[in-house]
N, C-alpha and C. Protein backbone atom coordinates (compact mmCIF):
# COMPACT_ATOMS: atom_id res chain seq x y z
N MET A 1 0.81 -1.18 0.00
CA MET A 1 0.00 0.00 0.00
C MET A 1 0.86 1.25 0.00
N ALA A 2 1.98 1.22 0.68
CA ALA A 2 2.84 2.40 0.70
C ALA A 2 3.33 2.74 -0.70
N ALA A 3 3.65 1.73 -1.49
CA ALA A 3 4.12 1.96 -2.86
C ALA A 3 3.03 2.62 -3.70
N GLY A 4 1.79 2.17 -3.55
CA GLY A 4 0.68 2.78 -4.28
C GLY A 4 0.45 4.21 -3.85
N ARG A 5 0.52 4.45 -2.54
CA ARG A 5 0.36 5.82 -2.02
C ARG A 5 1.42 6.73 -2.59
N ASP A 6 2.66 6.25 -2.58
CA ASP A 6 3.77 7.07 -3.07
C ASP A 6 3.68 7.30 -4.58
N ALA A 7 3.33 6.27 -5.33
CA ALA A 7 3.22 6.40 -6.79
C ALA A 7 2.13 7.38 -7.18
N ALA A 8 1.05 7.42 -6.40
CA ALA A 8 -0.05 8.34 -6.69
C ALA A 8 0.22 9.74 -6.16
N GLY A 9 1.30 9.92 -5.41
CA GLY A 9 1.62 11.24 -4.86
C GLY A 9 0.67 11.69 -3.78
N LEU A 10 0.09 10.74 -3.06
CA LEU A 10 -0.88 11.08 -2.01
C LEU A 10 -0.15 11.53 -0.76
N THR A 11 -0.68 12.56 -0.14
CA THR A 11 -0.11 13.06 1.12
C THR A 11 -1.24 13.12 2.14
N GLY A 12 -1.08 13.90 3.19
CA GLY A 12 -2.07 13.97 4.25
C GLY A 12 -3.49 14.17 3.73
N GLY A 13 -4.44 13.51 4.39
CA GLY A 13 -5.83 13.67 4.03
C GLY A 13 -6.31 12.75 2.92
N TRP A 14 -5.56 11.73 2.60
CA TRP A 14 -6.02 10.80 1.56
C TRP A 14 -6.84 9.70 2.20
N SER A 15 -7.67 9.03 1.41
CA SER A 15 -8.59 8.07 1.98
C SER A 15 -8.43 6.69 1.36
N VAL A 16 -8.92 5.72 2.08
CA VAL A 16 -8.84 4.32 1.67
C VAL A 16 -10.22 3.70 1.90
N THR A 17 -10.60 2.82 1.00
CA THR A 17 -11.80 2.02 1.23
C THR A 17 -11.42 0.56 1.22
N LEU A 18 -12.08 -0.20 2.03
CA LEU A 18 -11.86 -1.64 2.10
C LEU A 18 -13.10 -2.31 1.53
N GLY A 19 -12.93 -3.12 0.50
CA GLY A 19 -14.07 -3.77 -0.13
C GLY A 19 -13.86 -5.26 -0.24
N GLY A 20 -14.93 -5.98 -0.18
CA GLY A 20 -14.86 -7.42 -0.35
C GLY A 20 -15.37 -8.16 0.87
N GLY A 21 -15.62 -9.43 0.67
CA GLY A 21 -16.21 -10.26 1.70
C GLY A 21 -15.36 -10.44 2.94
N VAL A 22 -14.04 -10.43 2.77
CA VAL A 22 -13.17 -10.62 3.94
C VAL A 22 -13.38 -9.51 4.96
N PHE A 23 -13.44 -8.27 4.49
CA PHE A 23 -13.60 -7.15 5.41
C PHE A 23 -14.99 -7.10 6.02
N ARG A 24 -16.01 -7.45 5.23
CA ARG A 24 -17.37 -7.47 5.77
C ARG A 24 -17.58 -8.66 6.69
N GLY A 25 -16.94 -9.80 6.35
CA GLY A 25 -17.15 -11.01 7.13
C GLY A 25 -16.31 -11.10 8.39
N CYS A 26 -15.24 -10.32 8.44
CA CYS A 26 -14.35 -10.37 9.61
C CYS A 26 -14.06 -8.94 10.06
N PRO A 27 -14.97 -8.35 10.81
CA PRO A 27 -14.77 -6.96 11.23
C PRO A 27 -13.49 -6.75 12.05
N GLN A 28 -13.05 -7.80 12.76
CA GLN A 28 -11.82 -7.68 13.54
C GLN A 28 -10.61 -7.46 12.62
N PHE A 29 -10.58 -8.18 11.50
CA PHE A 29 -9.50 -8.01 10.54
C PHE A 29 -9.56 -6.60 9.93
N ALA A 30 -10.76 -6.18 9.55
CA ALA A 30 -10.92 -4.84 8.97
C ALA A 30 -10.45 -3.77 9.95
N GLU A 31 -10.78 -3.92 11.21
CA GLU A 31 -10.37 -2.93 12.22
C GLU A 31 -8.86 -2.94 12.41
N ALA A 32 -8.25 -4.12 12.43
CA ALA A 32 -6.79 -4.20 12.58
C ALA A 32 -6.09 -3.53 11.40
N LEU A 33 -6.60 -3.77 10.19
CA LEU A 33 -6.00 -3.14 9.01
C LEU A 33 -6.23 -1.64 9.02
N ARG A 34 -7.43 -1.21 9.42
CA ARG A 34 -7.71 0.23 9.53
C ARG A 34 -6.69 0.92 10.43
N THR A 35 -6.46 0.31 11.59
CA THR A 35 -5.53 0.89 12.55
C THR A 35 -4.13 1.04 11.95
N ARG A 36 -3.67 0.02 11.26
CA ARG A 36 -2.33 0.07 10.64
C ARG A 36 -2.26 1.09 9.51
N ILE A 37 -3.31 1.17 8.70
CA ILE A 37 -3.31 2.11 7.58
C ILE A 37 -3.21 3.54 8.08
N VAL A 38 -3.93 3.84 9.14
CA VAL A 38 -3.89 5.20 9.70
C VAL A 38 -2.53 5.46 10.35
N ALA A 39 -2.08 4.53 11.19
CA ALA A 39 -0.84 4.74 11.95
C ALA A 39 0.41 4.71 11.07
N GLU A 40 0.46 3.77 10.13
CA GLU A 40 1.69 3.58 9.36
C GLU A 40 1.72 4.31 8.03
N LEU A 41 0.55 4.61 7.47
CA LEU A 41 0.53 5.22 6.14
C LEU A 41 -0.03 6.64 6.12
N GLY A 42 -0.59 7.08 7.26
CA GLY A 42 -1.07 8.45 7.35
C GLY A 42 -2.38 8.74 6.64
N ALA A 43 -3.16 7.71 6.37
CA ALA A 43 -4.45 7.91 5.70
C ALA A 43 -5.53 8.31 6.70
N ASP A 44 -6.61 8.85 6.17
CA ASP A 44 -7.81 9.04 7.00
C ASP A 44 -8.34 7.65 7.34
N PRO A 45 -9.13 7.53 8.39
CA PRO A 45 -9.66 6.21 8.75
C PRO A 45 -10.44 5.58 7.59
N PRO A 46 -10.05 4.38 7.16
CA PRO A 46 -10.73 3.70 6.06
C PRO A 46 -12.15 3.29 6.42
N VAL A 47 -12.96 3.13 5.40
CA VAL A 47 -14.31 2.64 5.56
C VAL A 47 -14.47 1.35 4.76
N VAL A 48 -15.32 0.48 5.24
CA VAL A 48 -15.64 -0.75 4.52
C VAL A 48 -16.77 -0.44 3.56
N VAL A 49 -16.59 -0.78 2.29
CA VAL A 49 -17.58 -0.52 1.26
C VAL A 49 -18.32 -1.81 0.96
N ASP A 50 -19.63 -1.78 1.17
CA ASP A 50 -20.47 -2.96 0.90
C ASP A 50 -20.88 -3.07 -0.56
N ASP A 51 -20.98 -1.93 -1.25
CA ASP A 51 -21.45 -1.91 -2.63
C ASP A 51 -20.49 -1.04 -3.46
N PRO A 52 -19.39 -1.63 -3.98
CA PRO A 52 -18.39 -0.83 -4.71
C PRO A 52 -18.95 0.00 -5.87
N PRO A 53 -19.81 -0.54 -6.73
CA PRO A 53 -20.32 0.32 -7.82
C PRO A 53 -21.05 1.56 -7.30
N ARG A 54 -21.86 1.38 -6.26
CA ARG A 54 -22.57 2.53 -5.69
C ARG A 54 -21.57 3.54 -5.11
N ALA A 55 -20.51 3.06 -4.47
CA ALA A 55 -19.52 3.96 -3.88
C ALA A 55 -18.77 4.74 -4.96
N VAL A 56 -18.42 4.09 -6.06
CA VAL A 56 -17.73 4.77 -7.16
C VAL A 56 -18.63 5.84 -7.78
N LEU A 57 -19.89 5.49 -8.04
CA LEU A 57 -20.81 6.47 -8.61
C LEU A 57 -21.03 7.66 -7.67
N ALA A 58 -21.13 7.39 -6.37
CA ALA A 58 -21.29 8.49 -5.40
C ALA A 58 -20.06 9.40 -5.41
N ALA A 59 -18.88 8.81 -5.49
CA ALA A 59 -17.65 9.62 -5.53
C ALA A 59 -17.59 10.46 -6.80
N LEU A 60 -17.95 9.87 -7.92
CA LEU A 60 -17.95 10.64 -9.17
C LEU A 60 -18.95 11.78 -9.12
N ARG A 61 -20.12 11.51 -8.56
CA ARG A 61 -21.12 12.58 -8.44
C ARG A 61 -20.63 13.69 -7.52
N ALA A 62 -19.92 13.33 -6.47
CA ALA A 62 -19.43 14.32 -5.51
C ALA A 62 -18.40 15.25 -6.15
N HIS A 63 -17.72 14.80 -7.19
CA HIS A 63 -16.70 15.61 -7.84
C HIS A 63 -17.22 16.26 -9.12
N GLY A 64 -18.51 16.23 -9.35
CA GLY A 64 -19.08 16.87 -10.53
C GLY A 64 -18.46 16.32 -11.80
N HIS A 65 -17.98 17.22 -12.63
CA HIS A 65 -17.41 16.81 -13.91
C HIS A 65 -15.89 16.77 -13.90
N ARG A 66 -15.29 16.90 -12.73
CA ARG A 66 -13.83 16.89 -12.64
C ARG A 66 -13.39 15.86 -11.63
N LEU A 67 -12.39 15.10 -11.99
CA LEU A 67 -11.80 14.15 -11.05
C LEU A 67 -10.76 14.88 -10.22
N PRO A 68 -10.44 14.38 -9.03
CA PRO A 68 -9.38 15.00 -8.23
C PRO A 68 -8.07 15.04 -9.03
N ALA A 69 -7.34 16.12 -8.91
CA ALA A 69 -6.11 16.31 -9.68
C ALA A 69 -5.12 15.16 -9.51
N ALA A 70 -5.07 14.56 -8.33
CA ALA A 70 -4.13 13.46 -8.09
C ALA A 70 -4.48 12.23 -8.92
N LEU A 71 -5.71 12.12 -9.39
CA LEU A 71 -6.15 10.95 -10.15
C LEU A 71 -6.35 11.21 -11.63
N ALA A 72 -6.80 12.39 -11.97
CA ALA A 72 -7.25 12.70 -13.33
C ALA A 72 -6.15 12.48 -14.36
N GLY A 73 -6.47 11.69 -15.36
CA GLY A 73 -5.57 11.46 -16.48
C GLY A 73 -4.45 10.48 -16.23
N ARG A 74 -4.22 10.15 -14.99
CA ARG A 74 -3.15 9.20 -14.68
C ARG A 74 -3.72 7.91 -14.10
N TRP A 75 -4.63 8.03 -13.16
CA TRP A 75 -5.18 6.86 -12.48
C TRP A 75 -6.66 6.66 -12.79
N ALA A 76 -7.32 7.67 -13.29
CA ALA A 76 -8.75 7.57 -13.57
C ALA A 76 -9.10 8.51 -14.72
N TRP A 77 -10.06 8.09 -15.52
CA TRP A 77 -10.52 8.87 -16.65
C TRP A 77 -12.03 8.84 -16.68
N ARG A 78 -12.62 9.93 -17.11
CA ARG A 78 -14.08 9.97 -17.29
C ARG A 78 -14.37 9.66 -18.74
N ARG A 79 -15.36 8.83 -18.98
CA ARG A 79 -15.81 8.51 -20.33
C ARG A 79 -17.32 8.67 -20.38
N PRO A 80 -17.83 9.32 -21.39
CA PRO A 80 -19.28 9.47 -21.50
C PRO A 80 -19.91 8.11 -21.82
N LEU A 81 -21.14 7.94 -21.42
CA LEU A 81 -21.82 6.69 -21.65
C LEU A 81 -22.12 6.41 -23.12
N ASP A 82 -22.05 7.44 -23.97
CA ASP A 82 -22.33 7.22 -25.39
C ASP A 82 -21.10 6.71 -26.14
N GLY A 83 -19.99 6.48 -25.44
CA GLY A 83 -18.79 5.94 -26.07
C GLY A 83 -17.83 6.98 -26.62
N GLY A 84 -18.18 8.26 -26.50
CA GLY A 84 -17.29 9.31 -26.98
C GLY A 84 -16.06 9.46 -26.09
N GLN A 85 -15.24 10.42 -26.39
CA GLN A 85 -14.00 10.61 -25.65
C GLN A 85 -14.11 11.60 -24.50
N GLY A 86 -15.25 12.25 -24.27
CA GLY A 86 -15.51 13.17 -23.17
C GLY A 86 -14.37 13.56 -22.43
């Protein structure tokens, strides 16, 4: 995770989500990982995501028509639903 954080140029105030059955099925594991991510990597407290597609759509809506500068064009791209290059 540290390599990903560093490659993305993330600094204070970055966030992490935990998704998948392991985190939902074992809250103790999710909590242990949350604690380490905050303490060792400097992230905001992670949240467990139960519905990844809904979470992605909510994040995109929250940013309007612009992706965060740390992601735009390098880690994430917006594409219109009609298949154009938007």
